[in-house]
Amino acid sequence: MNKVDEKIVKRNRRHGRIRARVEGTAERPRLAVYRSNRFVYAQLIDDDKGVTIASADSRSAKGSTAREKARAVGTSIAKAAAKRKITSVVFDRGGFLYTGGIKELADGARESGLTF
């Protein structure tokens, strides 16, 4: 197993441990975050019904750095949640470390009114 495959396996293990405890409902959906090498994605998911309520990504976000774009994604997903009268969510960092873009996304969502 090469270094890249090992990194993916470790992230999937961390994500599995997180998902064992975190579950979204209609009243308090799961804010799932995914980070690729280029972009950051966020979804509000109702795990009871298995549907995505809202989504946002950094592909069209304004900002000059990756962190600024991640914060814009957090703000965008919080606005989408507010339109659907959702104020509280469960944060699912997807096995990624809570630093950099993941932290900026969470901070942007909190500043825009989401509680978690």
N, C-alpha and C. Protein backbone atom coordinates (compact mmCIF):
# COMPACT_ATOMS: atom_id res chain seq x y z
N MET A 1 0.85 -1.17 0.00
CA MET A 1 0.00 0.00 0.00
C MET A 1 0.90 1.24 0.00
N ASN A 2 0.65 2.13 -0.95
CA ASN A 2 1.46 3.34 -1.00
C ASN A 2 0.93 4.40 -0.04
N LYS A 3 1.65 5.51 0.04
CA LYS A 3 1.35 6.54 1.03
C LYS A 3 -0.02 7.19 0.82
N VAL A 4 -0.41 7.38 -0.43
CA VAL A 4 -1.70 8.01 -0.73
C VAL A 4 -2.84 7.10 -0.32
N ASP A 5 -2.73 5.81 -0.64
CA ASP A 5 -3.78 4.87 -0.26
C ASP A 5 -3.91 4.76 1.25
N GLU A 6 -2.77 4.77 1.94
CA GLU A 6 -2.78 4.68 3.39
C GLU A 6 -3.47 5.90 4.00
N LYS A 7 -3.24 7.07 3.43
CA LYS A 7 -3.87 8.30 3.92
C LYS A 7 -5.38 8.23 3.76
N ILE A 8 -5.84 7.70 2.63
CA ILE A 8 -7.28 7.57 2.37
C ILE A 8 -7.91 6.58 3.34
N VAL A 9 -7.22 5.46 3.58
CA VAL A 9 -7.74 4.44 4.50
C VAL A 9 -7.87 5.02 5.91
N LYS A 10 -6.87 5.77 6.35
CA LYS A 10 -6.91 6.36 7.70
C LYS A 10 -8.06 7.36 7.82
N ARG A 11 -8.28 8.19 6.78
CA ARG A 11 -9.38 9.15 6.82
C ARG A 11 -10.71 8.41 6.86
N ASN A 12 -10.85 7.34 6.09
CA ASN A 12 -12.10 6.58 6.10
C ASN A 12 -12.36 5.94 7.46
N ARG A 13 -11.31 5.50 8.15
CA ARG A 13 -11.48 4.96 9.51
C ARG A 13 -11.96 6.04 10.47
N ARG A 14 -11.32 7.21 10.40
CA ARG A 14 -11.75 8.32 11.26
C ARG A 14 -13.20 8.68 10.97
N HIS A 15 -13.53 8.74 9.68
CA HIS A 15 -14.90 9.09 9.30
C HIS A 15 -15.89 8.05 9.82
N GLY A 16 -15.53 6.79 9.78
CA GLY A 16 -16.40 5.74 10.30
C GLY A 16 -16.67 5.89 11.78
N ARG A 17 -15.64 6.26 12.53
CA ARG A 17 -15.82 6.46 13.97
C ARG A 17 -16.74 7.65 14.24
N ILE A 18 -16.59 8.69 13.43
CA ILE A 18 -17.44 9.87 13.59
C ILE A 18 -18.89 9.53 13.25
N ARG A 19 -19.10 8.83 12.13
CA ARG A 19 -20.46 8.51 11.67
C ARG A 19 -21.17 7.53 12.59
N ALA A 20 -20.42 6.79 13.40
CA ALA A 20 -21.05 5.89 14.37
C ALA A 20 -21.79 6.67 15.44
N ARG A 21 -21.36 7.92 15.69
CA ARG A 21 -21.97 8.74 16.74
C ARG A 21 -22.85 9.86 16.22
N VAL A 22 -22.62 10.31 15.00
CA VAL A 22 -23.29 11.50 14.47
C VAL A 22 -24.41 11.09 13.53
N GLU A 23 -25.62 11.60 13.80
CA GLU A 23 -26.75 11.32 12.93
C GLU A 23 -27.62 12.57 12.82
N GLY A 24 -28.04 12.88 11.61
CA GLY A 24 -28.87 14.05 11.38
C GLY A 24 -30.34 13.71 11.32
N THR A 25 -31.17 14.64 11.77
CA THR A 25 -32.62 14.49 11.70
C THR A 25 -33.19 15.66 10.91
N ALA A 26 -34.49 15.68 10.73
CA ALA A 26 -35.12 16.78 10.00
C ALA A 26 -34.99 18.08 10.79
N GLU A 27 -35.10 18.01 12.12
CA GLU A 27 -35.00 19.21 12.94
C GLU A 27 -33.55 19.66 13.11
N ARG A 28 -32.63 18.70 13.17
CA ARG A 28 -31.21 18.99 13.37
C ARG A 28 -30.39 18.15 12.39
N PRO A 29 -30.27 18.62 11.15
CA PRO A 29 -29.57 17.84 10.13
C PRO A 29 -28.06 17.79 10.35
N ARG A 30 -27.43 16.88 9.65
CA ARG A 30 -25.98 16.72 9.72
C ARG A 30 -25.34 17.64 8.68
N LEU A 31 -24.38 18.44 9.13
CA LEU A 31 -23.60 19.29 8.23
C LEU A 31 -22.35 18.51 7.86
N ALA A 32 -22.39 17.84 6.71
CA ALA A 32 -21.29 17.00 6.25
C ALA A 32 -20.34 17.81 5.38
N VAL A 33 -19.05 17.69 5.67
CA VAL A 33 -18.03 18.46 4.96
C VAL A 33 -17.10 17.50 4.23
N TYR A 34 -16.77 17.84 2.99
CA TYR A 34 -15.78 17.08 2.22
C TYR A 34 -14.78 18.06 1.63
N ARG A 35 -13.51 17.70 1.70
CA ARG A 35 -12.45 18.56 1.18
C ARG A 35 -11.64 17.77 0.16
N SER A 36 -11.63 18.26 -1.07
CA SER A 36 -10.77 17.66 -2.08
C SER A 36 -9.50 18.49 -2.15
N ASN A 37 -8.63 18.19 -3.09
CA ASN A 37 -7.40 18.97 -3.21
C ASN A 37 -7.67 20.40 -3.67
N ARG A 38 -8.77 20.62 -4.37
CA ARG A 38 -9.06 21.95 -4.93
C ARG A 38 -10.23 22.66 -4.28
N PHE A 39 -11.25 21.92 -3.84
CA PHE A 39 -12.49 22.54 -3.41
C PHE A 39 -12.95 21.99 -2.06
N VAL A 40 -13.90 22.72 -1.46
CA VAL A 40 -14.55 22.31 -0.21
C VAL A 40 -16.05 22.22 -0.48
N TYR A 41 -16.68 21.16 0.00
CA TYR A 41 -18.10 20.94 -0.21
C TYR A 41 -18.78 20.77 1.14
N ALA A 42 -20.03 21.24 1.24
CA ALA A 42 -20.80 21.09 2.47
C ALA A 42 -22.24 20.72 2.10
N GLN A 43 -22.83 19.83 2.89
CA GLN A 43 -24.22 19.41 2.67
C GLN A 43 -24.94 19.36 4.01
N LEU A 44 -26.22 19.71 3.98
CA LEU A 44 -27.10 19.47 5.12
C LEU A 44 -27.90 18.22 4.79
N ILE A 45 -27.78 17.20 5.63
CA ILE A 45 -28.36 15.89 5.32
C ILE A 45 -29.31 15.46 6.43
N ASP A 46 -30.50 15.02 6.03
CA ASP A 46 -31.46 14.39 6.94
C ASP A 46 -31.25 12.88 6.81
N ASP A 47 -30.60 12.27 7.80
CA ASP A 47 -30.29 10.84 7.73
C ASP A 47 -31.51 9.96 7.93
N ASP A 48 -32.57 10.48 8.57
CA ASP A 48 -33.78 9.69 8.74
C ASP A 48 -34.41 9.36 7.39
N LYS A 49 -34.51 10.36 6.52
CA LYS A 49 -35.09 10.16 5.19
C LYS A 49 -34.03 9.84 4.14
N GLY A 50 -32.78 10.12 4.45
CA GLY A 50 -31.71 9.87 3.49
C GLY A 50 -31.68 10.88 2.36
N VAL A 51 -31.98 12.14 2.66
CA VAL A 51 -32.03 13.18 1.63
C VAL A 51 -31.11 14.35 1.99
N THR A 52 -30.60 15.00 0.96
CA THR A 52 -29.82 16.21 1.13
C THR A 52 -30.77 17.40 1.12
N ILE A 53 -30.72 18.21 2.15
CA ILE A 53 -31.59 19.36 2.29
C ILE A 53 -31.03 20.56 1.54
N ALA A 54 -29.73 20.78 1.67
CA ALA A 54 -29.07 21.92 1.00
C ALA A 54 -27.61 21.58 0.81
N SER A 55 -26.98 22.26 -0.14
CA SER A 55 -25.56 22.03 -0.38
C SER A 55 -24.89 23.32 -0.82
N ALA A 56 -23.57 23.38 -0.64
CA ALA A 56 -22.76 24.52 -1.07
C ALA A 56 -21.36 24.02 -1.35
N ASP A 57 -20.64 24.71 -2.22
CA ASP A 57 -19.27 24.33 -2.51
C ASP A 57 -18.45 25.56 -2.86
N SER A 58 -17.14 25.37 -2.90
CA SER A 58 -16.24 26.50 -3.13
C SER A 58 -15.90 26.70 -4.61
N ARG A 59 -16.53 25.94 -5.50
CA ARG A 59 -16.23 26.09 -6.92
C ARG A 59 -16.61 27.47 -7.44
N SER A 60 -17.64 28.07 -6.88
CA SER A 60 -18.06 29.40 -7.32
C SER A 60 -17.95 30.44 -6.20
N ALA A 61 -17.27 30.08 -5.11
CA ALA A 61 -17.17 30.98 -3.96
C ALA A 61 -16.18 32.10 -4.24
N LYS A 62 -16.46 33.26 -3.66
CA LYS A 62 -15.57 34.40 -3.78
C LYS A 62 -14.48 34.31 -2.71
N GLY A 63 -13.28 34.67 -3.08
CA GLY A 63 -12.16 34.67 -2.15
C GLY A 63 -10.88 34.39 -2.90
N SER A 64 -9.78 34.85 -2.33
CA SER A 64 -8.50 34.67 -3.01
C SER A 64 -7.74 33.46 -2.51
N THR A 65 -7.99 33.04 -1.26
CA THR A 65 -7.31 31.87 -0.71
C THR A 65 -8.32 30.76 -0.45
N ALA A 66 -7.80 29.57 -0.24
CA ALA A 66 -8.68 28.42 0.03
C ALA A 66 -9.45 28.62 1.33
N ARG A 67 -8.82 29.23 2.31
CA ARG A 67 -9.50 29.46 3.59
C ARG A 67 -10.64 30.45 3.44
N GLU A 68 -10.44 31.50 2.68
CA GLU A 68 -11.50 32.48 2.45
C GLU A 68 -12.67 31.83 1.71
N LYS A 69 -12.37 30.98 0.77
CA LYS A 69 -13.43 30.29 0.04
C LYS A 69 -14.18 29.33 0.95
N ALA A 70 -13.46 28.64 1.85
CA ALA A 70 -14.10 27.73 2.79
C ALA A 70 -15.04 28.49 3.73
N ARG A 71 -14.61 29.67 4.19
CA ARG A 71 -15.47 30.49 5.04
C ARG A 71 -16.72 30.92 4.28
N ALA A 72 -16.56 31.24 2.99
CA ALA A 72 -17.70 31.62 2.16
C ALA A 72 -18.67 30.45 2.00
N VAL A 73 -18.16 29.23 1.92
CA VAL A 73 -19.02 28.05 1.84
C VAL A 73 -19.82 27.90 3.14
N GLY A 74 -19.17 28.12 4.28
CA GLY A 74 -19.87 28.06 5.57
C GLY A 74 -20.98 29.09 5.66
N THR A 75 -20.70 30.29 5.19
CA THR A 75 -21.72 31.34 5.18
C THR A 75 -22.86 30.97 4.26
N SER A 76 -22.53 30.42 3.10
CA SER A 76 -23.54 30.04 2.11
C SER A 76 -24.45 28.93 2.63
N ILE A 77 -23.88 27.92 3.26
CA ILE A 77 -24.70 26.81 3.76
C ILE A 77 -25.57 27.28 4.93
N ALA A 78 -25.08 28.23 5.71
CA ALA A 78 -25.88 28.77 6.82
C ALA A 78 -27.07 29.56 6.28
N LYS A 79 -26.86 30.30 5.20
CA LYS A 79 -27.97 31.05 4.59
C LYS A 79 -29.00 30.10 4.01
N ALA A 80 -28.54 29.01 3.39
CA ALA A 80 -29.46 28.02 2.84
C ALA A 80 -30.26 27.35 3.96
N ALA A 81 -29.61 27.12 5.10
CA ALA A 81 -30.30 26.54 6.25
C ALA A 81 -31.34 27.51 6.81
N ALA A 82 -30.99 28.79 6.86
CA ALA A 82 -31.92 29.79 7.38
C ALA A 82 -33.17 29.89 6.52
N LYS A 83 -33.04 29.72 5.21
CA LYS A 83 -34.20 29.74 4.31
C LYS A 83 -35.16 28.61 4.64
N ARG A 84 -34.61 27.49 5.13
CA ARG A 84 -35.43 26.33 5.48
C ARG A 84 -35.76 26.29 6.97
N LYS A 85 -35.49 27.41 7.67
CA LYS A 85 -35.78 27.57 9.10
C LYS A 85 -35.04 26.55 9.96
N ILE A 86 -33.77 26.28 9.59
CA ILE A 86 -32.91 25.38 10.37
C ILE A 86 -31.89 26.25 11.09
N THR A 87 -31.81 26.11 12.41
CA THR A 87 -30.87 26.91 13.18
C THR A 87 -29.79 26.06 13.84
N SER A 88 -30.05 24.78 14.04
CA SER A 88 -29.11 23.92 14.74
C SER A 88 -28.77 22.71 13.87
N VAL A 89 -27.50 22.35 13.81
CA VAL A 89 -27.04 21.21 13.02
C VAL A 89 -26.05 20.38 13.84
N VAL A 90 -25.74 19.20 13.32
CA VAL A 90 -24.70 18.34 13.87
C VAL A 90 -23.54 18.38 12.90
N PHE A 91 -22.34 18.73 13.36
CA PHE A 91 -21.19 18.91 12.48
C PHE A 91 -20.49 17.59 12.24
N ASP A 92 -20.30 17.23 10.97
CA ASP A 92 -19.60 16.01 10.56
C ASP A 92 -18.40 16.44 9.72
N ARG A 93 -17.22 16.40 10.30
CA ARG A 93 -16.02 16.88 9.60
C ARG A 93 -15.50 15.87 8.60
N GLY A 94 -16.13 14.72 8.49
CA GLY A 94 -15.79 13.75 7.45
C GLY A 94 -14.44 13.09 7.59
N GLY A 95 -13.92 13.02 8.80
CA GLY A 95 -12.62 12.38 9.01
C GLY A 95 -11.45 13.31 8.78
N PHE A 96 -11.72 14.55 8.37
CA PHE A 96 -10.66 15.52 8.16
C PHE A 96 -10.32 16.19 9.49
N LEU A 97 -9.06 16.58 9.66
CA LEU A 97 -8.66 17.26 10.88
C LEU A 97 -9.34 18.63 10.96
N TYR A 98 -9.66 19.04 12.18
CA TYR A 98 -10.37 20.31 12.39
C TYR A 98 -9.37 21.46 12.39
N THR A 99 -8.76 21.71 11.25
CA THR A 99 -7.84 22.82 11.07
C THR A 99 -8.05 23.39 9.68
N GLY A 100 -7.47 24.54 9.41
CA GLY A 100 -7.49 25.11 8.07
C GLY A 100 -8.88 25.37 7.54
N GLY A 101 -9.15 24.82 6.35
CA GLY A 101 -10.40 25.07 5.67
C GLY A 101 -11.62 24.52 6.39
N ILE A 102 -11.47 23.37 7.06
CA ILE A 102 -12.61 22.79 7.79
C ILE A 102 -13.01 23.72 8.95
N LYS A 103 -12.02 24.24 9.67
CA LYS A 103 -12.30 25.16 10.77
C LYS A 103 -12.90 26.47 10.26
N GLU A 104 -12.39 26.98 9.14
CA GLU A 104 -12.92 28.21 8.56
C GLU A 104 -14.37 28.03 8.13
N LEU A 105 -14.69 26.89 7.54
CA LEU A 105 -16.07 26.60 7.13
C LEU A 105 -16.98 26.60 8.36
N ALA A 106 -16.54 25.94 9.42
CA ALA A 106 -17.34 25.88 10.65
C ALA A 106 -17.52 27.28 11.26
N ASP A 107 -16.45 28.05 11.27
CA ASP A 107 -16.53 29.40 11.83
C ASP A 107 -17.47 30.28 11.01
N GLY A 108 -17.39 30.16 9.68
CA GLY A 108 -18.28 30.94 8.81
C GLY A 108 -19.74 30.57 9.02
N ALA A 109 -20.01 29.27 9.22
CA ALA A 109 -21.38 28.84 9.46
C ALA A 109 -21.88 29.34 10.81
N ARG A 110 -21.03 29.31 11.81
CA ARG A 110 -21.42 29.79 13.15
C ARG A 110 -21.69 31.28 13.12
N GLU A 111 -20.83 32.05 12.43
CA GLU A 111 -21.01 33.49 12.36
C GLU A 111 -22.31 33.86 11.65
N SER A 112 -22.75 33.00 10.74
CA SER A 112 -23.98 33.28 9.98
C SER A 112 -25.22 32.74 10.64
N GLY A 113 -25.09 32.17 11.84
CA GLY A 113 -26.29 31.82 12.60
C GLY A 113 -26.52 30.37 12.89
N LEU A 114 -25.71 29.45 12.37
CA LEU A 114 -25.92 28.04 12.69
C LEU A 114 -25.34 27.73 14.06
N THR A 115 -26.00 26.84 14.79
CA THR A 115 -25.55 26.44 16.12
C THR A 115 -25.12 24.99 16.09
N PHE A 116 -23.89 24.74 16.53
CA PHE A 116 -23.38 23.37 16.71
C PHE A 116 -22.16 23.39 17.60
